[in-house]
Amino acid sequence: MSRFLFRNFELLEPYDAKVSCTVLRGESPRKGADLLDKEYYDKLKAIHDLVQDAKKVRDAFLLVGEIGDIYVNSFQKMLSDPHFRYEELAAISNGYTVLLQESADMLMELKDVVNVNGLSMTDYERMDIINYVYDRLKEHRNLVAYYTRKNISVSYLRAKKAGDAERVMALYGNPDERYW
């Protein structure tokens, strides 16, 4: 009787200190294994790509928010900077307006792809457009940051010439916070 009990409770794999995981076991090789086919894995990969691109859609929206934050925080500081004239601030504001409008246009392009309006598109076409818009938004965020740094550097050079560089440095952040 004890021999019968031990035989039925033999372990398939020793698992001292092993993390448990699911193991797919097919039938006997002579009968042909009952494993999942290639079509199933291709569909799984396609779902993974769509989920990954959904992350890119979310990240694209976050990039537009980041562009807006760069504008709001930096331009507000520029307004209190005495080294800019009113006309220059108006020109800087117009530049930001153009950059923000382009960001919004890219976001609308992305919204059209994600919404149900583009039913005639294949998933591949949608993913291509999502990747394209996401990459453009990343470049656009870098352009807005560059535009901001260049404007701040004008103020810094003027402040340095006037002996007021420390005030400008303090206005736009300490060395740990400084992004320019």
C-alpha atoms as a PDB file:
ATOM      1  CA  MET A   1       0.000   0.000   0.000  1.00  0.00           C
ATOM      2  CA  SER A   2       2.788   2.481   0.856  1.00  0.00           C
ATOM      3  CA  ARG A   3       4.489   1.717  -2.464  1.00  0.00           C
ATOM      4  CA  PHE A   4       1.256   2.711  -4.234  1.00  0.00           C
ATOM      5  CA  LEU A   5       1.090   6.035  -2.365  1.00  0.00           C
ATOM      6  CA  PHE A   6       4.671   7.007  -3.164  1.00  0.00           C
ATOM      7  CA  ARG A   7       4.240   6.169  -6.821  1.00  0.00           C
ATOM      8  CA  ASN A   8       1.205   8.438  -7.218  1.00  0.00           C
ATOM      9  CA  PHE A   9       2.812  11.423  -5.483  1.00  0.00           C
ATOM     10  CA  GLU A  10       6.119  11.528  -7.311  1.00  0.00           C
ATOM     11  CA  LEU A  11       7.138  15.063  -8.200  1.00  0.00           C
ATOM     12  CA  LEU A  12       7.387  15.976 -11.865  1.00  0.00           C
ATOM     13  CA  GLU A  13      10.152  18.497 -11.226  1.00  0.00           C
ATOM     14  CA  PRO A  14      12.175  19.156  -8.118  1.00  0.00           C
ATOM     15  CA  TYR A  15      11.249  22.610  -6.907  1.00  0.00           C
ATOM     16  CA  ASP A  16      13.432  23.560  -4.020  1.00  0.00           C
ATOM     17  CA  ALA A  17      14.000  27.307  -4.468  1.00  0.00           C
ATOM     18  CA  LYS A  18      12.464  27.352  -7.936  1.00  0.00           C
ATOM     19  CA  VAL A  19       9.956  29.979  -8.892  1.00  0.00           C
ATOM     20  CA  SER A  20       6.831  28.278 -10.079  1.00  0.00           C
ATOM     21  CA  CYS A  21       5.850  28.746 -13.677  1.00  0.00           C
ATOM     22  CA  THR A  22       3.411  27.272 -16.123  1.00  0.00           C
ATOM     23  CA  VAL A  23       4.868  24.519 -18.248  1.00  0.00           C
ATOM     24  CA  LEU A  24       3.177  23.526 -21.493  1.00  0.00           C
ATOM     25  CA  ARG A  25       3.516  19.812 -21.978  1.00  0.00           C
ATOM     26  CA  GLY A  26       2.389  18.184 -25.144  1.00  0.00           C
ATOM     27  CA  GLU A  27       1.228  14.677 -25.566  1.00  0.00           C
ATOM     28  CA  SER A  28       3.583  11.923 -26.476  1.00  0.00           C
ATOM     29  CA  PRO A  29       5.824  12.797 -29.450  1.00  0.00           C
ATOM     30  CA  ARG A  30       4.477   9.743 -31.252  1.00  0.00           C
ATOM     31  CA  LYS A  31       0.940  11.134 -31.194  1.00  0.00           C
ATOM     32  CA  GLY A  32       1.977  14.686 -32.159  1.00  0.00           C
ATOM     33  CA  ALA A  33       2.145  17.347 -29.491  1.00  0.00           C
ATOM     34  CA  ASP A  34      -0.965  19.376 -28.852  1.00  0.00           C
ATOM     35  CA  LEU A  35       0.865  22.719 -28.738  1.00  0.00           C
ATOM     36  CA  LEU A  36      -0.352  26.146 -29.746  1.00  0.00           C
ATOM     37  CA  ASP A  37       0.098  26.985 -33.406  1.00  0.00           C
ATOM     38  CA  LYS A  38       1.960  29.865 -35.090  1.00  0.00           C
ATOM     39  CA  GLU A  39      -1.236  31.770 -35.888  1.00  0.00           C
ATOM     40  CA  TYR A  40      -2.002  32.084 -32.173  1.00  0.00           C
ATOM     41  CA  TYR A  41       1.461  33.506 -31.459  1.00  0.00           C
ATOM     42  CA  ASP A  42       1.173  35.950 -34.368  1.00  0.00           C
ATOM     43  CA  LYS A  43      -2.137  37.236 -33.002  1.00  0.00           C
ATOM     44  CA  LEU A  44      -0.601  37.552 -29.542  1.00  0.00           C
ATOM     45  CA  LYS A  45       2.292  39.569 -30.981  1.00  0.00           C
ATOM     46  CA  ALA A  46      -0.138  41.845 -32.821  1.00  0.00           C
ATOM     47  CA  ILE A  47      -2.023  42.484 -29.571  1.00  0.00           C
ATOM     48  CA  HIS A  48       1.284  43.240 -27.847  1.00  0.00           C
ATOM     49  CA  ASP A  49       2.147  45.754 -30.598  1.00  0.00           C
ATOM     50  CA  LEU A  50      -1.255  47.430 -30.225  1.00  0.00           C
ATOM     51  CA  VAL A  51      -0.844  47.654 -26.451  1.00  0.00           C
ATOM     52  CA  GLN A  52       2.639  49.056 -26.910  1.00  0.00           C
ATOM     53  CA  ASP A  53       1.265  51.642 -29.314  1.00  0.00           C
ATOM     54  CA  ALA A  54      -1.488  52.470 -26.830  1.00  0.00           C
ATOM     55  CA  LYS A  55       1.344  53.416 -24.472  1.00  0.00           C
ATOM     56  CA  LYS A  56       2.702  55.646 -27.210  1.00  0.00           C
ATOM     57  CA  VAL A  57      -0.690  57.329 -27.516  1.00  0.00           C
ATOM     58  CA  ARG A  58      -0.681  57.995 -23.777  1.00  0.00           C
ATOM     59  CA  ASP A  59       2.926  59.200 -23.940  1.00  0.00           C
ATOM     60  CA  ALA A  60       2.053  61.486 -26.856  1.00  0.00           C
ATOM     61  CA  PHE A  61      -0.626  63.155 -24.743  1.00  0.00           C
ATOM     62  CA  LEU A  62       1.923  63.490 -21.934  1.00  0.00           C
ATOM     63  CA  LEU A  63       4.410  65.086 -24.343  1.00  0.00           C
ATOM     64  CA  VAL A  64       1.857  67.737 -25.276  1.00  0.00           C
ATOM     65  CA  GLY A  65       1.310  68.373 -21.569  1.00  0.00           C
ATOM     66  CA  GLU A  66       5.053  68.683 -21.096  1.00  0.00           C
ATOM     67  CA  ILE A  67       5.239  71.180 -23.960  1.00  0.00           C
ATOM     68  CA  GLY A  68       2.514  73.209 -22.281  1.00  0.00           C
ATOM     69  CA  ASP A  69       4.345  73.079 -18.949  1.00  0.00           C
ATOM     70  CA  ILE A  70       7.587  74.291 -20.532  1.00  0.00           C
ATOM     71  CA  TYR A  71       5.705  77.213 -22.041  1.00  0.00           C
ATOM     72  CA  VAL A  72       3.739  78.169 -18.933  1.00  0.00           C
ATOM     73  CA  ASN A  73       6.646  77.919 -16.482  1.00  0.00           C
ATOM     74  CA  SER A  74       9.276  79.512 -18.682  1.00  0.00           C
ATOM     75  CA  PHE A  75       7.204  82.308 -20.153  1.00  0.00           C
ATOM     76  CA  GLN A  76       5.904  83.292 -16.730  1.00  0.00           C
ATOM     77  CA  LYS A  77       9.509  83.687 -15.577  1.00  0.00           C
ATOM     78  CA  MET A  78      10.372  85.625 -18.733  1.00  0.00           C
ATOM     79  CA  LEU A  79       7.562  88.074 -17.956  1.00  0.00           C
ATOM     80  CA  SER A  80       9.264  88.956 -14.671  1.00  0.00           C
ATOM     81  CA  ASP A  81      12.716  89.151 -16.276  1.00  0.00           C
ATOM     82  CA  PRO A  82      13.807  92.805 -16.631  1.00  0.00           C
ATOM     83  CA  HIS A  83      16.210  91.943 -19.464  1.00  0.00           C
ATOM     84  CA  PHE A  84      13.386  91.467 -21.996  1.00  0.00           C
ATOM     85  CA  ARG A  85      11.562  94.373 -23.642  1.00  0.00           C
ATOM     86  CA  TYR A  86       7.810  94.306 -24.198  1.00  0.00           C
ATOM     87  CA  GLU A  87       8.227  93.813 -27.976  1.00  0.00           C
ATOM     88  CA  GLU A  88      10.561  90.882 -27.421  1.00  0.00           C
ATOM     89  CA  LEU A  89       8.117  89.238 -25.011  1.00  0.00           C
ATOM     90  CA  ALA A  90       5.350  89.675 -27.597  1.00  0.00           C
ATOM     91  CA  ALA A  91       7.533  88.003 -30.249  1.00  0.00           C
ATOM     92  CA  ILE A  92       8.457  85.166 -27.855  1.00  0.00           C
ATOM     93  CA  SER A  93       4.776  84.719 -27.050  1.00  0.00           C
ATOM     94  CA  ASN A  94       3.927  84.501 -30.757  1.00  0.00           C
ATOM     95  CA  GLY A  95       6.634  81.879 -31.205  1.00  0.00           C
ATOM     96  CA  TYR A  96       5.204  79.818 -28.364  1.00  0.00           C
ATOM     97  CA  THR A  97       1.708  80.215 -29.830  1.00  0.00           C
ATOM     98  CA  VAL A  98       2.847  78.729 -33.139  1.00  0.00           C
ATOM     99  CA  LEU A  99       4.651  75.867 -31.399  1.00  0.00           C
ATOM    100  CA  LEU A 100       1.654  75.089 -29.169  1.00  0.00           C
ATOM    101  CA  GLN A 101      -0.733  75.161 -32.139  1.00  0.00           C
ATOM    102  CA  GLU A 102       1.464  72.699 -34.031  1.00  0.00           C
ATOM    103  CA  SER A 103       1.449  70.401 -30.994  1.00  0.00           C
ATOM    104  CA  ALA A 104      -2.335  70.588 -30.793  1.00  0.00           C
ATOM    105  CA  ASP A 105      -2.621  69.807 -34.516  1.00  0.00           C
ATOM    106  CA  MET A 106      -0.455  66.710 -34.092  1.00  0.00           C
ATOM    107  CA  LEU A 107      -2.594  65.625 -31.175  1.00  0.00           C
ATOM    108  CA  MET A 108      -5.769  66.015 -33.248  1.00  0.00           C
ATOM    109  CA  GLU A 109      -4.169  63.887 -35.963  1.00  0.00           C
ATOM    110  CA  LEU A 110      -3.521  61.226 -33.353  1.00  0.00           C
ATOM    111  CA  LYS A 111      -7.062  61.463 -31.982  1.00  0.00           C
ATOM    112  CA  ASP A 112      -8.491  60.853 -35.460  1.00  0.00           C
ATOM    113  CA  VAL A 113      -6.461  57.674 -35.797  1.00  0.00           C
ATOM    114  CA  VAL A 114      -7.369  56.341 -32.363  1.00  0.00           C
ATOM    115  CA  ASN A 115     -11.090  57.113 -32.631  1.00  0.00           C
ATOM    116  CA  VAL A 116     -13.528  54.976 -34.576  1.00  0.00           C
ATOM    117  CA  ASN A 117     -13.655  57.492 -37.438  1.00  0.00           C
ATOM    118  CA  GLY A 118     -10.862  55.741 -39.314  1.00  0.00           C
ATOM    119  CA  LEU A 119     -12.594  52.387 -39.672  1.00  0.00           C
ATOM    120  CA  SER A 120     -11.091  51.755 -43.093  1.00  0.00           C
ATOM    121  CA  MET A 121      -7.558  51.739 -41.648  1.00  0.00           C
ATOM    122  CA  THR A 122      -5.754  48.535 -40.871  1.00  0.00           C
ATOM    123  CA  ASP A 123      -4.009  48.083 -37.545  1.00  0.00           C
ATOM    124  CA  TYR A 124      -0.672  48.320 -39.339  1.00  0.00           C
ATOM    125  CA  GLU A 125      -1.597  51.724 -40.818  1.00  0.00           C
ATOM    126  CA  ARG A 126      -2.790  52.943 -37.420  1.00  0.00           C
ATOM    127  CA  MET A 127       0.442  51.830 -35.763  1.00  0.00           C
ATOM    128  CA  ASP A 128       2.490  53.595 -38.431  1.00  0.00           C
ATOM    129  CA  ILE A 129       0.626  56.859 -37.886  1.00  0.00           C
ATOM    130  CA  ILE A 130       0.849  56.539 -34.104  1.00  0.00           C
ATOM    131  CA  ASN A 131       4.607  55.970 -34.320  1.00  0.00           C
ATOM    132  CA  TYR A 132       5.001  58.870 -36.750  1.00  0.00           C
ATOM    133  CA  VAL A 133       3.020  61.332 -34.611  1.00  0.00           C
ATOM    134  CA  TYR A 134       4.744  60.194 -31.415  1.00  0.00           C
ATOM    135  CA  ASP A 135       8.195  60.697 -32.959  1.00  0.00           C
ATOM    136  CA  ARG A 136       7.183  64.133 -34.285  1.00  0.00           C
ATOM    137  CA  LEU A 137       5.892  65.160 -30.860  1.00  0.00           C
ATOM    138  CA  LYS A 138       9.160  64.107 -29.214  1.00  0.00           C
ATOM    139  CA  GLU A 139      11.079  66.236 -31.709  1.00  0.00           C
ATOM    140  CA  HIS A 140       8.615  69.066 -31.165  1.00  0.00           C
ATOM    141  CA  ARG A 141       9.062  68.927 -27.393  1.00  0.00           C
ATOM    142  CA  ASN A 142      12.812  69.148 -27.939  1.00  0.00           C
ATOM    143  CA  LEU A 143      12.253  72.125 -30.253  1.00  0.00           C
ATOM    144  CA  VAL A 144      10.171  73.942 -27.603  1.00  0.00           C
ATOM    145  CA  ALA A 145      12.867  73.250 -24.995  1.00  0.00           C
ATOM    146  CA  TYR A 146      15.527  74.552 -27.410  1.00  0.00           C
ATOM    147  CA  TYR A 147      13.473  77.681 -28.137  1.00  0.00           C
ATOM    148  CA  THR A 148      13.132  78.279 -24.411  1.00  0.00           C
ATOM    149  CA  ARG A 149      16.846  77.774 -23.740  1.00  0.00           C
ATOM    150  CA  LYS A 150      17.779  80.197 -26.521  1.00  0.00           C
ATOM    151  CA  ASN A 151      15.456  82.887 -25.159  1.00  0.00           C
ATOM    152  CA  ILE A 152      16.813  82.438 -21.640  1.00  0.00           C
ATOM    153  CA  SER A 153      20.371  82.593 -22.939  1.00  0.00           C
ATOM    154  CA  VAL A 154      19.629  86.020 -24.479  1.00  0.00           C
ATOM    155  CA  SER A 155      18.521  87.242 -21.075  1.00  0.00           C
ATOM    156  CA  TYR A 156      21.550  85.673 -19.414  1.00  0.00           C
ATOM    157  CA  LEU A 157      23.988  87.344 -21.827  1.00  0.00           C
ATOM    158  CA  ARG A 158      22.318  90.712 -21.263  1.00  0.00           C
ATOM    159  CA  ALA A 159      22.367  90.171 -17.498  1.00  0.00           C
ATOM    160  CA  LYS A 160      26.023  89.158 -17.567  1.00  0.00           C
ATOM    161  CA  LYS A 161      26.890  92.314 -19.494  1.00  0.00           C
ATOM    162  CA  ALA A 162      24.968  94.372 -16.913  1.00  0.00           C
ATOM    163  CA  GLY A 163      26.555  92.490 -13.973  1.00  0.00           C
ATOM    164  CA  ASP A 164      23.213  90.938 -13.003  1.00  0.00           C
ATOM    165  CA  ALA A 165      23.895  87.313 -13.944  1.00  0.00           C
ATOM    166  CA  GLU A 166      23.193  85.933 -10.467  1.00  0.00           C
ATOM    167  CA  ARG A 167      19.671  87.356 -10.500  1.00  0.00           C
ATOM    168  CA  VAL A 168      18.902  85.676 -13.843  1.00  0.00           C
ATOM    169  CA  MET A 169      20.396  82.410 -12.632  1.00  0.00           C
ATOM    170  CA  ALA A 170      18.199  82.559  -9.530  1.00  0.00           C
ATOM    171  CA  LEU A 171      15.110  83.462 -11.601  1.00  0.00           C
ATOM    172  CA  TYR A 172      15.376  80.449 -13.893  1.00  0.00           C
ATOM    173  CA  GLY A 173      16.341  77.926 -11.215  1.00  0.00           C
ATOM    174  CA  ASN A 174      19.220  76.696  -9.118  1.00  0.00           C
ATOM    175  CA  PRO A 175      21.811  74.365 -10.710  1.00  0.00           C
ATOM    176  CA  ASP A 176      19.799  71.254  -9.757  1.00  0.00           C
ATOM    177  CA  GLU A 177      16.568  72.592 -11.273  1.00  0.00           C
ATOM    178  CA  ARG A 178      18.118  74.344 -14.270  1.00  0.00           C
ATOM    179  CA  TYR A 179      17.087  72.745 -17.547  1.00  0.00           C
ATOM    180  CA  TRP A 180      18.696  75.283 -19.822  1.00  0.00           C
END
